[in-house]
Amino acid sequence: MAATISTLESVTKTTYGQIMKAVATARNEDHLLNDLAHVLLHHLEVDGVDILLAERDRGVLKATTVAPELLNRLRIGFGVGLAGTVLATGQRRIVSKGVYQHPVHVDYPGYDETGFESAILEPFWGPSGLLGVLILRRKTVWKPRKTELSRISDGAERLAMAVFAYRSGLAVGQAKIRQIGIVSTVAETLARAPYLEEILQLLVNMTAQQFNYRVCTVRLLDEQNNELVLRATQATVKAYQRKRAIKLGESIAGRVIVERKSIIVEDVQADPEYIGHDLAVEQGLRSMICVPLTIQDRAVGVLTCYTDRVRAFEEDEVKALETIAKQAAVSIEHAKLQVRHTLMQEMHHRVKNNLQQVVSLLRLQLRHKHYATIEEAINDSLTRILAIAAVHDLLSREDLDHVGVRSIAEALVQHQQQSFIPTNKKIKFEVRGDDVRLNMTQATQVALVMNELIQNAVEHGFTVSPDGDVHINVETDDTLVYIWVSNNGDSLPPGFDTAIASHLGLQIVANLARALGGTFKIEERLGWTVCEVKFTRQMSE
């Protein structure tokens, strides 16, 4: 008998150590309960374990070794079925055989209990009342002895202690160990990621997962426009992914980048400084912490984390996030340098390709004998070469290997105004819409398209009209990009057909639109001649 008691004590100590280890390493409560279910499965020598937590007037399946597909989906009302009875009364139930034929038993869709013969349902309690019910199942008839019931009762108590400790923060030492582990894991993962977009997505995904946040986002500083641009989020809601840029000093994130220190907001739904209350309410965002991404006292962006309930951010949690943010800033700068280095190595390849494109365009011009003078032919060539040069110039000044379409349009308009507008014409230009970012290949093709359309508007839209407007609009809808170049000068000739009457410039546009995987059309709309190009944006080279 003494040997049996000694063995039980040894098993209990081992189980207690496993439970405390689960508390220390758990990423969140669901992860903790899953680990505890498997510990109790072996400790209590049963064939199946379910853990239901009491929430309001029902029990929710939070851990199971039997039907993981039903986690957080199986919900049992108090007083309904065997488990519901235990939740309602707080008293243990033992069914030694024929558990699924028991008169109180209730079938739950998707949960097959026919493989089990017996079950013991043990309530477990916290300081403020019933926490839930531990359901133990066996495939054979089970008439538990007193020692078994004692072990089950002890296991339920350990389970309750672990849940209470995790929730209340009593396991301070374990929490610190967990946060150190989180920082190490995130930092190591970021250090291995070679590409900027991958680093940013890993940062938000891992931070949200490890700290159990509802939403995490990263905004990077656009120094040219003095604004923070959303670059990554693990939120799947499209409205959230399209949040507008924030100016420096504006809202919480704008203040963080200026002051270079973390800011905590108790409830974003009530804070007057926070931008986006409607979306916060819709997505259930409550408390927020915004942490600067700094490198050598220079802020490069912000990491923002949201919870789904109003709560405080503990000092250790804040320090862990600030450490992660610093590591992320280093990884971001390293990735930028790597991309710059790669771009420099590949620039000769890009230049060669673009020169080949210039050669192809010149050959097209040679086959078209419509130029009145050599000067006119050279001017056409100059505008096309300048369009390609504009992309290279923007690439050297903008973010990495992507160029904004609106920026290209503004550069092309500037070239037109400086060099190619006839002195007797008064033409006003306006560029509007989104600065959709394209990789270099698409950016070069789009630059040539817009150059031809702008030049076409100037040359053919104002043959008779002495003045007017040219509008360039850029819009995006998910992956589609729309570009419209419109003028209110001369109308299109009656029955105009691009397949028959178009000149070299429009033929180039049509060919490039097809190369982009898109379409091109030109038509009259409300007194304006409108050229439309639509294509699918490629996210990378």
Protein backbone atom coordinates (compact mmCIF):
# COMPACT_ATOMS: atom_id res chain seq x y z
CA MET A 1 0.00 0.00 0.00
CA ALA A 2 2.82 2.39 0.89
CA ALA A 3 4.50 1.66 -2.43
CA THR A 4 1.27 2.46 -4.26
CA ILE A 5 0.91 5.77 -2.42
CA SER A 6 4.55 6.60 -3.18
CA THR A 7 3.98 5.85 -6.85
CA LEU A 8 0.86 8.04 -6.91
CA GLU A 9 2.77 10.90 -5.26
CA SER A 10 5.55 10.55 -7.83
CA VAL A 11 3.03 10.58 -10.70
CA THR A 12 1.26 13.58 -9.16
CA LYS A 13 4.53 15.53 -8.85
CA THR A 14 5.42 14.72 -12.44
CA THR A 15 1.96 15.80 -13.60
CA TYR A 16 2.18 19.00 -11.57
CA GLY A 17 5.51 19.81 -13.24
CA GLN A 18 3.99 19.18 -16.67
CA ILE A 19 1.04 21.41 -15.84
CA MET A 20 3.27 24.28 -14.67
CA LYS A 21 5.39 23.88 -17.80
CA ALA A 22 2.21 24.15 -19.88
CA VAL A 23 1.31 27.38 -18.05
CA ALA A 24 4.79 28.80 -18.65
CA THR A 25 4.92 28.01 -22.36
CA ALA A 26 1.29 28.56 -23.39
CA ARG A 27 0.77 31.11 -26.19
CA ASN A 28 -2.84 31.63 -25.13
CA GLU A 29 -5.56 30.01 -23.03
CA ASP A 30 -6.72 27.65 -25.79
CA HIS A 31 -3.13 26.45 -26.24
CA LEU A 32 -2.83 25.94 -22.45
CA LEU A 33 -6.04 23.90 -22.24
CA ASN A 34 -5.01 21.75 -25.19
CA ASP A 35 -1.72 20.89 -23.46
CA LEU A 36 -3.52 20.19 -20.18
CA ALA A 37 -5.99 17.85 -21.90
CA HIS A 38 -3.12 15.70 -23.21
CA VAL A 39 -1.34 15.75 -19.82
CA LEU A 40 -4.53 14.52 -18.09
CA LEU A 41 -5.13 11.93 -20.84
CA HIS A 42 -1.91 10.14 -19.87
CA HIS A 43 -2.00 10.93 -16.15
CA LEU A 44 -5.55 9.58 -15.64
CA GLU A 45 -5.09 6.67 -18.12
CA VAL A 46 -8.25 7.32 -20.13
CA ASP A 47 -9.12 7.13 -23.84
CA GLY A 48 -10.55 10.62 -24.30
CA VAL A 49 -10.53 14.02 -22.58
CA ASP A 50 -12.80 17.03 -23.15
CA ILE A 51 -12.60 20.33 -21.29
CA LEU A 52 -15.64 22.60 -21.30
CA LEU A 53 -15.43 26.11 -19.83
CA ALA A 54 -18.49 27.81 -18.40
CA GLU A 55 -19.41 31.00 -20.26
CA ARG A 56 -22.59 32.77 -19.10
CA ASP A 57 -25.31 30.08 -19.27
CA ARG A 58 -23.50 27.53 -21.39
CA GLY A 59 -20.39 25.40 -21.66
CA VAL A 60 -18.00 25.76 -24.61
CA LEU A 61 -15.65 23.00 -25.77
CA LYS A 62 -12.18 24.54 -25.33
CA ALA A 63 -9.94 21.44 -25.46
CA THR A 64 -10.44 17.89 -26.70
CA THR A 65 -8.44 14.82 -27.65
CA VAL A 66 -11.50 13.37 -29.40
CA ALA A 67 -13.01 15.95 -31.79
CA PRO A 68 -10.62 18.90 -32.38
CA GLU A 69 -12.73 20.08 -35.32
CA LEU A 70 -15.45 21.07 -32.80
CA LEU A 71 -13.25 23.35 -30.69
CA ASN A 72 -15.09 26.56 -29.78
CA ARG A 73 -18.03 25.34 -31.90
CA LEU A 74 -19.64 22.80 -29.59
CA ARG A 75 -21.77 24.72 -27.05
CA ILE A 76 -23.88 23.09 -24.36
CA GLY A 77 -26.62 24.84 -22.44
CA PHE A 78 -26.78 24.46 -18.65
CA GLY A 79 -29.02 21.50 -17.79
CA VAL A 80 -28.80 20.01 -21.31
CA GLY A 81 -27.31 16.50 -21.52
CA LEU A 82 -24.84 14.98 -19.07
CA ALA A 83 -22.31 17.82 -19.31
CA GLY A 84 -25.02 20.46 -19.07
CA THR A 85 -26.36 18.78 -15.92
CA VAL A 86 -22.93 18.90 -14.27
CA LEU A 87 -22.56 22.57 -15.25
CA ALA A 88 -25.96 23.31 -13.73
CA THR A 89 -25.55 21.31 -10.51
CA GLY A 90 -21.79 21.36 -9.98
CA GLN A 91 -21.91 17.65 -9.07
CA ARG A 92 -19.87 14.77 -10.50
CA ARG A 93 -21.58 12.29 -12.83
CA ILE A 94 -20.35 8.72 -13.36
CA VAL A 95 -21.67 6.56 -16.21
CA SER A 96 -20.00 3.14 -15.97
CA LYS A 97 -21.41 1.72 -19.22
CA GLY A 98 -23.64 2.58 -22.17
CA VAL A 99 -22.84 6.27 -21.94
CA TYR A 100 -24.36 7.24 -25.28
CA GLN A 101 -27.55 5.29 -24.35
CA HIS A 102 -27.93 7.08 -21.01
CA PRO A 103 -31.42 8.66 -20.62
CA VAL A 104 -29.89 12.12 -19.98
CA HIS A 105 -27.44 11.81 -22.88
CA VAL A 106 -27.90 14.23 -25.80
CA ASP A 107 -26.32 13.78 -29.25
CA TYR A 108 -24.33 16.72 -30.56
CA PRO A 109 -23.96 17.09 -34.36
CA GLY A 110 -20.52 15.96 -35.53
CA TYR A 111 -19.48 14.40 -32.19
CA ASP A 112 -19.41 10.60 -32.43
CA GLU A 113 -19.44 9.00 -28.95
CA THR A 114 -20.38 5.49 -30.07
CA GLY A 115 -16.78 4.31 -29.63
CA PHE A 116 -16.88 5.02 -25.87
CA GLU A 117 -18.57 2.86 -23.23
CA SER A 118 -18.14 4.91 -20.05
CA ALA A 119 -17.51 8.43 -18.82
CA ILE A 120 -16.83 10.48 -15.69
CA LEU A 121 -17.77 14.17 -15.72
CA GLU A 122 -15.87 16.11 -13.05
CA PRO A 123 -16.62 19.79 -12.27
CA PHE A 124 -13.69 22.09 -11.50
CA TRP A 125 -13.88 25.30 -9.53
CA GLY A 126 -12.14 28.65 -9.25
CA PRO A 127 -12.25 31.20 -6.40
CA SER A 128 -15.35 32.87 -7.84
CA GLY A 129 -17.32 29.76 -8.80
CA LEU A 130 -17.58 26.93 -11.33
CA LEU A 131 -14.97 27.19 -14.10
CA GLY A 132 -16.11 24.24 -16.18
CA VAL A 133 -16.32 20.47 -16.47
CA LEU A 134 -13.64 17.86 -17.19
CA ILE A 135 -15.04 14.94 -19.23
CA LEU A 136 -13.06 11.66 -19.14
CA ARG A 137 -14.02 8.76 -21.43
CA ARG A 138 -13.05 5.10 -21.73
CA LYS A 139 -13.83 2.52 -24.40
CA THR A 140 -14.51 -0.15 -21.76
CA VAL A 141 -16.79 -0.51 -18.74
CA TRP A 142 -15.42 1.67 -15.96
CA LYS A 143 -16.25 1.28 -12.29
CA PRO A 144 -13.74 3.65 -10.68
CA ARG A 145 -12.12 2.85 -7.34
CA LYS A 146 -11.69 5.47 -4.61
CA THR A 147 -8.04 5.96 -5.54
CA GLU A 148 -9.03 6.66 -9.17
CA LEU A 149 -11.70 9.14 -8.10
CA SER A 150 -9.13 10.81 -5.86
CA ARG A 151 -6.72 11.17 -8.80
CA ILE A 152 -9.52 12.54 -10.98
CA SER A 153 -10.48 15.06 -8.30
CA ASP A 154 -6.81 16.05 -7.91
CA GLY A 155 -6.44 16.38 -11.69
CA ALA A 156 -9.49 18.65 -11.86
CA GLU A 157 -8.04 20.81 -9.06
CA ARG A 158 -4.72 21.08 -10.91
CA LEU A 159 -6.61 22.06 -14.05
CA ALA A 160 -8.52 24.77 -12.17
CA MET A 161 -5.29 26.07 -10.58
CA ALA A 162 -3.58 26.28 -13.97
CA VAL A 163 -6.49 28.18 -15.56
CA PHE A 164 -6.75 30.54 -12.59
CA ALA A 165 -2.97 31.12 -12.51
CA TYR A 166 -2.88 31.87 -16.23
CA ARG A 167 -5.84 34.23 -16.05
CA SER A 168 -4.87 36.07 -12.89
CA GLY A 169 -1.18 36.46 -13.63
CA LEU A 170 -0.03 34.59 -10.51
CA ALA A 171 2.51 32.76 -12.64
CA VAL A 172 4.65 35.88 -13.00
CA GLY A 173 7.88 33.94 -13.35
CA GLN A 174 6.41 31.70 -16.02
CA ALA A 175 4.95 34.72 -17.83
CA LYS A 176 8.39 36.32 -17.99
CA ILE A 177 9.89 33.11 -19.33
CA ARG A 178 7.09 32.95 -21.90
CA GLN A 179 7.69 36.53 -23.05
CA ILE A 180 11.46 36.00 -23.29
CA GLY A 181 10.73 32.95 -25.42
CA ILE A 182 8.34 34.95 -27.60
CA VAL A 183 10.92 37.71 -28.17
CA SER A 184 13.58 35.13 -29.02
CA THR A 185 11.28 33.25 -31.41
CA VAL A 186 10.12 36.37 -33.26
CA ALA A 187 13.62 37.88 -33.46
CA GLU A 188 15.11 34.64 -34.79
CA THR A 189 12.38 34.30 -37.42
CA LEU A 190 12.72 37.91 -38.59
CA ALA A 191 16.49 37.55 -38.84
CA ARG A 192 16.07 34.62 -41.25
CA ALA A 193 13.57 36.39 -43.54
CA PRO A 194 15.36 38.00 -46.52
CA TYR A 195 12.57 40.10 -48.05
CA LEU A 196 10.85 43.20 -46.67
CA GLU A 197 7.27 42.09 -47.35
CA GLU A 198 7.99 38.72 -45.75
CA ILE A 199 9.51 40.39 -42.68
CA LEU A 200 6.52 42.68 -42.22
CA GLN A 201 3.96 39.89 -42.63
CA LEU A 202 5.86 37.59 -40.27
CA LEU A 203 6.06 40.41 -37.73
CA VAL A 204 2.29 41.02 -37.59
CA ASN A 205 1.35 37.32 -37.82
CA MET A 206 3.72 36.13 -35.09
CA THR A 207 3.08 39.06 -32.75
CA ALA A 208 -0.69 38.60 -33.01
CA GLN A 209 -0.38 34.86 -32.46
CA GLN A 210 2.16 34.90 -29.63
CA PHE A 211 0.44 37.66 -27.61
CA ASN A 212 -3.11 36.65 -28.56
CA TYR A 213 -3.95 40.07 -30.09
CA ARG A 214 -7.03 40.64 -32.22
CA VAL A 215 -5.20 42.72 -34.87
CA CYS A 216 -1.59 43.76 -35.49
CA THR A 217 -0.45 46.23 -38.13
CA VAL A 218 2.81 47.74 -39.36
CA ARG A 219 3.06 51.18 -40.89
CA LEU A 220 6.32 52.35 -42.46
CA LEU A 221 7.45 55.94 -42.74
CA ASP A 222 7.30 57.50 -46.20
CA GLU A 223 9.86 60.27 -45.69
CA GLN A 224 9.09 61.94 -49.01
CA ASN A 225 5.42 62.54 -48.10
CA ASN A 226 5.89 62.65 -44.29
CA GLU A 227 3.25 60.00 -43.68
CA LEU A 228 2.86 56.49 -42.30
CA VAL A 229 1.71 53.97 -44.90
CA LEU A 230 0.03 50.67 -43.94
CA ARG A 231 2.30 47.89 -45.20
CA ALA A 232 1.17 44.74 -43.34
CA THR A 233 -1.66 43.36 -41.21
CA GLN A 234 -2.94 39.90 -40.39
CA ALA A 235 -6.52 41.22 -40.44
CA THR A 236 -8.45 39.70 -43.34
CA VAL A 237 -11.05 42.49 -43.55
CA LYS A 238 -10.43 44.43 -46.79
CA ALA A 239 -11.64 47.71 -45.27
CA TYR A 240 -8.88 47.43 -42.70
CA GLN A 241 -6.23 46.59 -45.30
CA ARG A 242 -7.13 49.79 -47.19
CA LYS A 243 -6.78 52.20 -44.28
CA ARG A 244 -5.40 55.53 -45.47
CA ALA A 245 -1.94 56.90 -44.77
CA ILE A 246 -1.45 58.90 -41.55
CA LYS A 247 0.44 62.19 -41.51
CA LEU A 248 3.22 62.72 -38.97
CA GLY A 249 1.75 64.08 -35.76
CA GLU A 250 -1.76 62.93 -36.75
CA SER A 251 -3.62 60.37 -34.62
CA ILE A 252 -1.87 58.00 -32.21
CA ALA A 253 0.54 56.44 -34.71
CA GLY A 254 1.56 59.89 -36.00
CA ARG A 255 2.40 60.99 -32.46
CA VAL A 256 4.39 57.83 -31.76
CA ILE A 257 6.65 58.39 -34.77
CA VAL A 258 7.30 62.03 -33.72
CA GLU A 259 7.80 61.36 -30.00
CA ARG A 260 9.57 58.00 -30.57
CA LYS A 261 7.93 56.37 -27.56
CA SER A 262 5.16 53.81 -27.08
CA ILE A 263 1.61 55.03 -26.48
CA ILE A 264 -1.18 52.94 -24.90
CA VAL A 265 -4.87 53.66 -25.46
CA GLU A 266 -7.28 52.07 -23.00
CA ASP A 267 -10.20 51.95 -25.45
CA VAL A 268 -9.88 53.04 -29.09
CA GLN A 269 -13.66 53.04 -29.49
CA ALA A 270 -13.88 55.95 -27.01
CA ASP A 271 -10.60 57.80 -27.62
CA PRO A 272 -11.22 61.09 -29.52
CA GLU A 273 -7.70 61.14 -31.03
CA TYR A 274 -8.01 57.70 -32.62
CA ILE A 275 -8.86 57.62 -36.35
CA GLY A 276 -11.35 54.94 -37.42
CA HIS A 277 -13.87 54.50 -34.61
CA ASP A 278 -16.47 52.87 -36.90
CA LEU A 279 -14.05 50.18 -38.05
CA ALA A 280 -12.87 49.61 -34.47
CA VAL A 281 -16.47 49.01 -33.36
CA GLU A 282 -17.15 46.77 -36.36
CA GLN A 283 -14.06 44.63 -35.71
CA GLY A 284 -14.35 44.60 -31.91
CA LEU A 285 -11.05 46.43 -31.27
CA ARG A 286 -10.64 47.83 -27.76
CA SER A 287 -7.25 48.44 -26.09
CA MET A 288 -4.27 49.42 -28.24
CA ILE A 289 -0.53 49.80 -27.93
CA CYS A 290 1.48 51.58 -30.62
CA VAL A 291 5.25 50.96 -30.54
CA PRO A 292 7.84 52.83 -32.65
CA LEU A 293 10.17 50.87 -34.93
CA THR A 294 13.47 52.63 -34.26
CA ILE A 295 17.05 52.12 -35.34
CA GLN A 296 19.79 54.33 -33.89
CA ASP A 297 17.16 56.76 -32.50
CA ARG A 298 15.61 57.09 -35.96
CA ALA A 299 11.99 56.00 -36.34
CA VAL A 300 11.20 54.02 -39.50
CA GLY A 301 7.63 52.97 -38.67
CA VAL A 302 5.20 51.79 -35.99
CA LEU A 303 3.87 48.44 -34.78
CA THR A 304 0.27 48.69 -33.54
CA CYS A 305 -1.45 45.92 -31.58
CA TYR A 306 -5.14 45.69 -30.61
CA THR A 307 -6.96 43.51 -28.07
CA ASP A 308 -10.57 42.37 -28.25
CA ARG A 309 -11.32 43.60 -24.72
CA VAL A 310 -10.39 46.57 -22.56
CA ARG A 311 -7.30 45.62 -20.57
CA ALA A 312 -3.96 46.95 -19.35
CA PHE A 313 -0.64 46.21 -21.07
CA GLU A 314 1.75 44.94 -18.39
CA GLU A 315 5.25 46.39 -18.11
CA ASP A 316 6.91 43.12 -19.18
CA GLU A 317 4.58 42.88 -22.19
CA VAL A 318 5.44 46.44 -23.27
CA LYS A 319 9.18 45.76 -22.92
CA ALA A 320 8.84 42.57 -24.96
CA LEU A 321 7.02 44.45 -27.75
CA GLU A 322 9.60 47.25 -27.76
CA THR A 323 12.39 44.68 -28.04
CA ILE A 324 10.62 42.97 -30.93
CA ALA A 325 10.05 46.37 -32.60
CA LYS A 326 13.76 47.22 -32.42
CA GLN A 327 14.73 43.85 -33.89
CA ALA A 328 12.13 44.33 -36.61
CA ALA A 329 13.51 47.80 -37.45
CA VAL A 330 17.00 46.32 -37.88
CA SER A 331 15.61 43.54 -40.10
CA ILE A 332 13.66 46.09 -42.18
CA GLU A 333 16.72 48.26 -42.77
CA HIS A 334 18.82 45.21 -43.59
CA ALA A 335 16.19 44.04 -46.09
CA LYS A 336 16.14 47.46 -47.73
CA LEU A 337 19.92 47.45 -48.09
CA GLN A 338 19.79 43.94 -49.53
CA VAL A 339 17.18 44.99 -52.08
CA ARG A 340 19.19 48.08 -53.01
CA HIS A 341 22.24 45.91 -53.52
CA THR A 342 20.26 43.44 -55.61
CA LEU A 343 18.74 46.25 -57.66
CA MET A 344 22.16 47.69 -58.39
CA GLN A 345 23.35 44.27 -59.55
CA GLU A 346 20.31 43.88 -61.79
CA MET A 347 20.17 47.48 -63.04
CA HIS A 348 22.40 46.75 -66.02
CA HIS A 349 19.97 43.97 -66.97
CA ARG A 350 17.03 46.39 -66.67
CA VAL A 351 18.81 49.06 -68.68
CA LYS A 352 19.67 46.55 -71.40
CA ASN A 353 16.03 45.44 -71.59
CA ASN A 354 14.80 49.02 -71.72
CA LEU A 355 17.31 49.95 -74.40
CA GLN A 356 16.05 46.98 -76.38
CA GLN A 357 12.53 48.36 -75.93
CA VAL A 358 13.73 51.75 -77.25
CA VAL A 359 15.24 50.00 -80.26
CA SER A 360 11.94 48.20 -80.91
CA LEU A 361 10.04 51.50 -80.71
CA LEU A 362 12.49 53.17 -83.12
CA ARG A 363 12.04 50.31 -85.57
CA LEU A 364 8.27 50.77 -85.36
CA GLN A 365 8.75 54.44 -86.17
CA LEU A 366 10.90 53.58 -89.19
CA ARG A 367 8.06 51.46 -90.59
CA HIS A 368 5.60 54.36 -90.24
CA LYS A 369 6.24 57.12 -92.79
CA HIS A 370 3.79 59.63 -91.27
CA TYR A 371 6.34 62.11 -89.84
CA ALA A 372 6.42 65.46 -91.63
CA THR A 373 9.91 66.34 -90.37
CA ILE A 374 12.91 64.66 -88.78
CA GLU A 375 12.39 66.96 -85.77
CA GLU A 376 8.92 65.50 -85.20
CA ALA A 377 10.25 61.93 -85.33
CA ILE A 378 13.08 62.77 -82.90
CA ASN A 379 10.66 64.46 -80.49
CA ASP A 380 8.50 61.31 -80.48
CA SER A 381 11.56 59.21 -79.64
CA LEU A 382 12.63 61.66 -76.94
CA THR A 383 9.31 61.44 -75.10
CA ARG A 384 9.43 57.64 -75.07
CA ILE A 385 13.00 57.57 -73.80
CA LEU A 386 12.12 60.16 -71.14
CA ALA A 387 9.16 58.01 -70.03
CA ILE A 388 11.50 55.09 -69.36
CA ALA A 389 14.02 57.42 -67.69
CA ALA A 390 11.27 58.71 -65.39
CA VAL A 391 10.76 55.20 -64.01
CA HIS A 392 14.49 54.79 -63.33
CA ASP A 393 14.60 58.19 -61.67
CA LEU A 394 11.63 57.40 -59.44
CA LEU A 395 13.06 53.98 -58.61
CA SER A 396 16.22 55.64 -57.27
CA ARG A 397 14.16 57.95 -55.02
CA GLU A 398 11.15 55.88 -54.01
CA ASP A 399 10.62 52.75 -51.94
CA LEU A 400 12.72 49.77 -53.01
CA ASP A 401 11.71 48.07 -56.26
CA HIS A 402 8.19 49.51 -56.64
CA VAL A 403 7.15 52.78 -58.25
CA GLY A 404 3.91 54.73 -57.83
CA VAL A 405 1.76 55.18 -60.98
CA ARG A 406 0.65 58.66 -59.95
CA SER A 407 4.29 59.66 -59.45
CA ILE A 408 5.05 58.47 -62.99
CA ALA A 409 2.14 60.50 -64.36
CA GLU A 410 3.29 63.65 -62.56
CA ALA A 411 6.83 63.23 -63.92
CA LEU A 412 5.53 62.74 -67.49
CA VAL A 413 3.25 65.79 -67.23
CA GLN A 414 6.21 67.86 -66.07
CA HIS A 415 8.24 66.73 -69.12
CA GLN A 416 5.35 67.59 -71.45
CA GLN A 417 4.86 71.04 -69.94
CA GLN A 418 8.56 71.87 -70.10
CA SER A 419 9.33 70.69 -73.60
CA PHE A 420 6.48 69.67 -75.86
CA ILE A 421 3.48 72.00 -75.42
CA PRO A 422 3.13 74.36 -78.43
CA THR A 423 3.51 78.00 -77.42
CA ASN A 424 0.11 78.91 -78.90
CA LYS A 425 -1.75 76.33 -76.78
CA LYS A 426 -2.94 76.72 -73.17
CA ILE A 427 -3.39 73.23 -71.80
CA LYS A 428 -3.88 72.54 -68.10
CA PHE A 429 -3.00 69.15 -66.60
CA GLU A 430 -4.41 67.48 -63.51
CA VAL A 431 -3.29 64.16 -62.01
CA ARG A 432 -5.71 62.51 -59.58
CA GLY A 433 -6.32 59.19 -57.82
CA ASP A 434 -4.28 56.49 -56.09
CA ASP A 435 -0.50 56.20 -56.18
CA VAL A 436 -0.72 52.51 -57.05
CA ARG A 437 2.67 50.85 -56.66
CA LEU A 438 3.98 48.62 -59.46
CA ASN A 439 7.08 46.53 -59.90
CA MET A 440 9.67 47.89 -62.30
CA THR A 441 8.61 45.82 -65.32
CA GLN A 442 5.00 46.94 -65.16
CA ALA A 443 5.99 50.49 -64.18
CA THR A 444 8.08 50.84 -67.35
CA GLN A 445 5.25 49.56 -69.55
CA VAL A 446 2.72 51.83 -67.83
CA ALA A 447 5.07 54.82 -68.21
CA LEU A 448 5.20 54.24 -71.97
CA VAL A 449 1.40 53.82 -72.10
CA MET A 450 0.75 57.07 -70.21
CA ASN A 451 3.37 58.91 -72.24
CA GLU A 452 1.65 57.93 -75.49
CA LEU A 453 -1.80 58.83 -74.14
CA ILE A 454 -0.69 62.21 -72.77
CA GLN A 455 1.13 63.02 -75.99
CA ASN A 456 -1.87 61.84 -78.02
CA ALA A 457 -4.15 64.13 -75.97
CA VAL A 458 -1.86 67.13 -76.61
CA GLU A 459 -1.22 66.48 -80.31
CA HIS A 460 -4.63 65.28 -81.49
CA GLY A 461 -6.96 66.66 -78.85
CA PHE A 462 -6.02 70.27 -79.44
CA THR A 463 -5.44 70.48 -83.20
CA VAL A 464 -8.30 73.01 -83.44
CA SER A 465 -9.01 73.90 -79.83
CA PRO A 466 -6.51 76.47 -78.51
CA ASP A 467 -6.95 75.57 -74.84
CA GLY A 468 -8.44 72.98 -72.52
CA ASP A 469 -7.74 70.37 -69.85
CA VAL A 470 -6.05 66.99 -69.72
CA HIS A 471 -6.92 64.79 -66.72
CA ILE A 472 -5.01 61.67 -65.67
CA ASN A 473 -6.92 59.48 -63.22
CA VAL A 474 -5.52 56.39 -61.49
CA GLU A 475 -7.68 53.99 -59.47
CA THR A 476 -7.35 50.48 -58.07
CA ASP A 477 -9.90 47.85 -57.15
CA ASP A 478 -8.23 44.93 -55.36
CA THR A 479 -5.76 43.68 -58.02
CA LEU A 480 -7.13 45.66 -60.99
CA VAL A 481 -5.61 49.01 -61.95
CA TYR A 482 -7.52 51.59 -64.02
CA ILE A 483 -5.86 54.51 -65.83
CA TRP A 484 -7.87 57.17 -67.66
CA VAL A 485 -6.32 59.97 -69.74
CA SER A 486 -9.07 62.41 -70.80
CA ASN A 487 -9.18 65.72 -72.64
CA ASN A 488 -11.96 68.19 -73.44
CA GLY A 489 -10.42 69.46 -76.69
CA ASP A 490 -11.35 68.28 -80.18
CA SER A 491 -13.90 65.47 -80.47
CA LEU A 492 -13.08 62.13 -82.07
CA PRO A 493 -13.91 61.91 -85.79
CA PRO A 494 -17.29 60.27 -86.54
CA GLY A 495 -17.05 56.48 -86.63
CA PHE A 496 -13.53 56.49 -85.16
CA ASP A 497 -12.16 52.92 -84.89
CA THR A 498 -8.78 52.23 -83.26
CA ALA A 499 -8.37 49.09 -85.34
CA ILE A 500 -8.50 51.15 -88.57
CA ALA A 501 -7.70 54.79 -87.88
CA SER A 502 -5.22 54.66 -85.00
CA HIS A 503 -1.70 55.99 -85.47
CA LEU A 504 1.59 54.59 -84.13
CA GLY A 505 1.11 55.94 -80.58
CA LEU A 506 -2.26 54.24 -80.08
CA GLN A 507 -0.94 51.02 -81.61
CA ILE A 508 1.89 51.08 -79.08
CA VAL A 509 -0.67 51.59 -76.29
CA ALA A 510 -2.80 48.67 -77.51
CA ASN A 511 0.25 46.38 -77.72
CA LEU A 512 1.51 47.37 -74.26
CA ALA A 513 -1.97 46.94 -72.77
CA ARG A 514 -2.01 43.38 -74.07
CA ALA A 515 1.50 42.83 -72.68
CA LEU A 516 0.17 43.97 -69.29
CA GLY A 517 -2.62 41.40 -69.60
CA GLY A 518 -5.17 44.20 -69.88
CA THR A 519 -7.36 46.13 -72.30
CA PHE A 520 -7.39 49.54 -74.00
CA LYS A 521 -10.26 51.57 -75.42
CA ILE A 522 -10.91 55.16 -76.49
CA GLU A 523 -14.35 56.81 -76.63
CA GLU A 524 -16.34 60.02 -76.20
CA ARG A 525 -17.93 60.59 -72.79
CA LEU A 526 -19.92 63.75 -71.96
CA GLY A 527 -17.83 65.95 -74.25
CA TRP A 528 -14.49 64.43 -73.24
CA THR A 529 -12.27 62.08 -75.21
CA VAL A 530 -11.44 59.30 -72.75
CA CYS A 531 -8.66 56.74 -73.13
CA GLU A 532 -8.96 53.84 -70.67
CA VAL A 533 -6.35 51.20 -69.85
CA LYS A 534 -7.21 48.40 -67.41
CA PHE A 535 -4.83 45.66 -66.24
CA THR A 536 -4.00 43.35 -63.34
CA ARG A 537 -1.27 44.47 -60.97
CA GLN A 538 1.60 42.05 -60.32
CA MET A 539 2.63 42.13 -56.65
CA SER A 540 6.26 41.19 -57.38
CA GLU A 541 8.70 40.64 -60.21
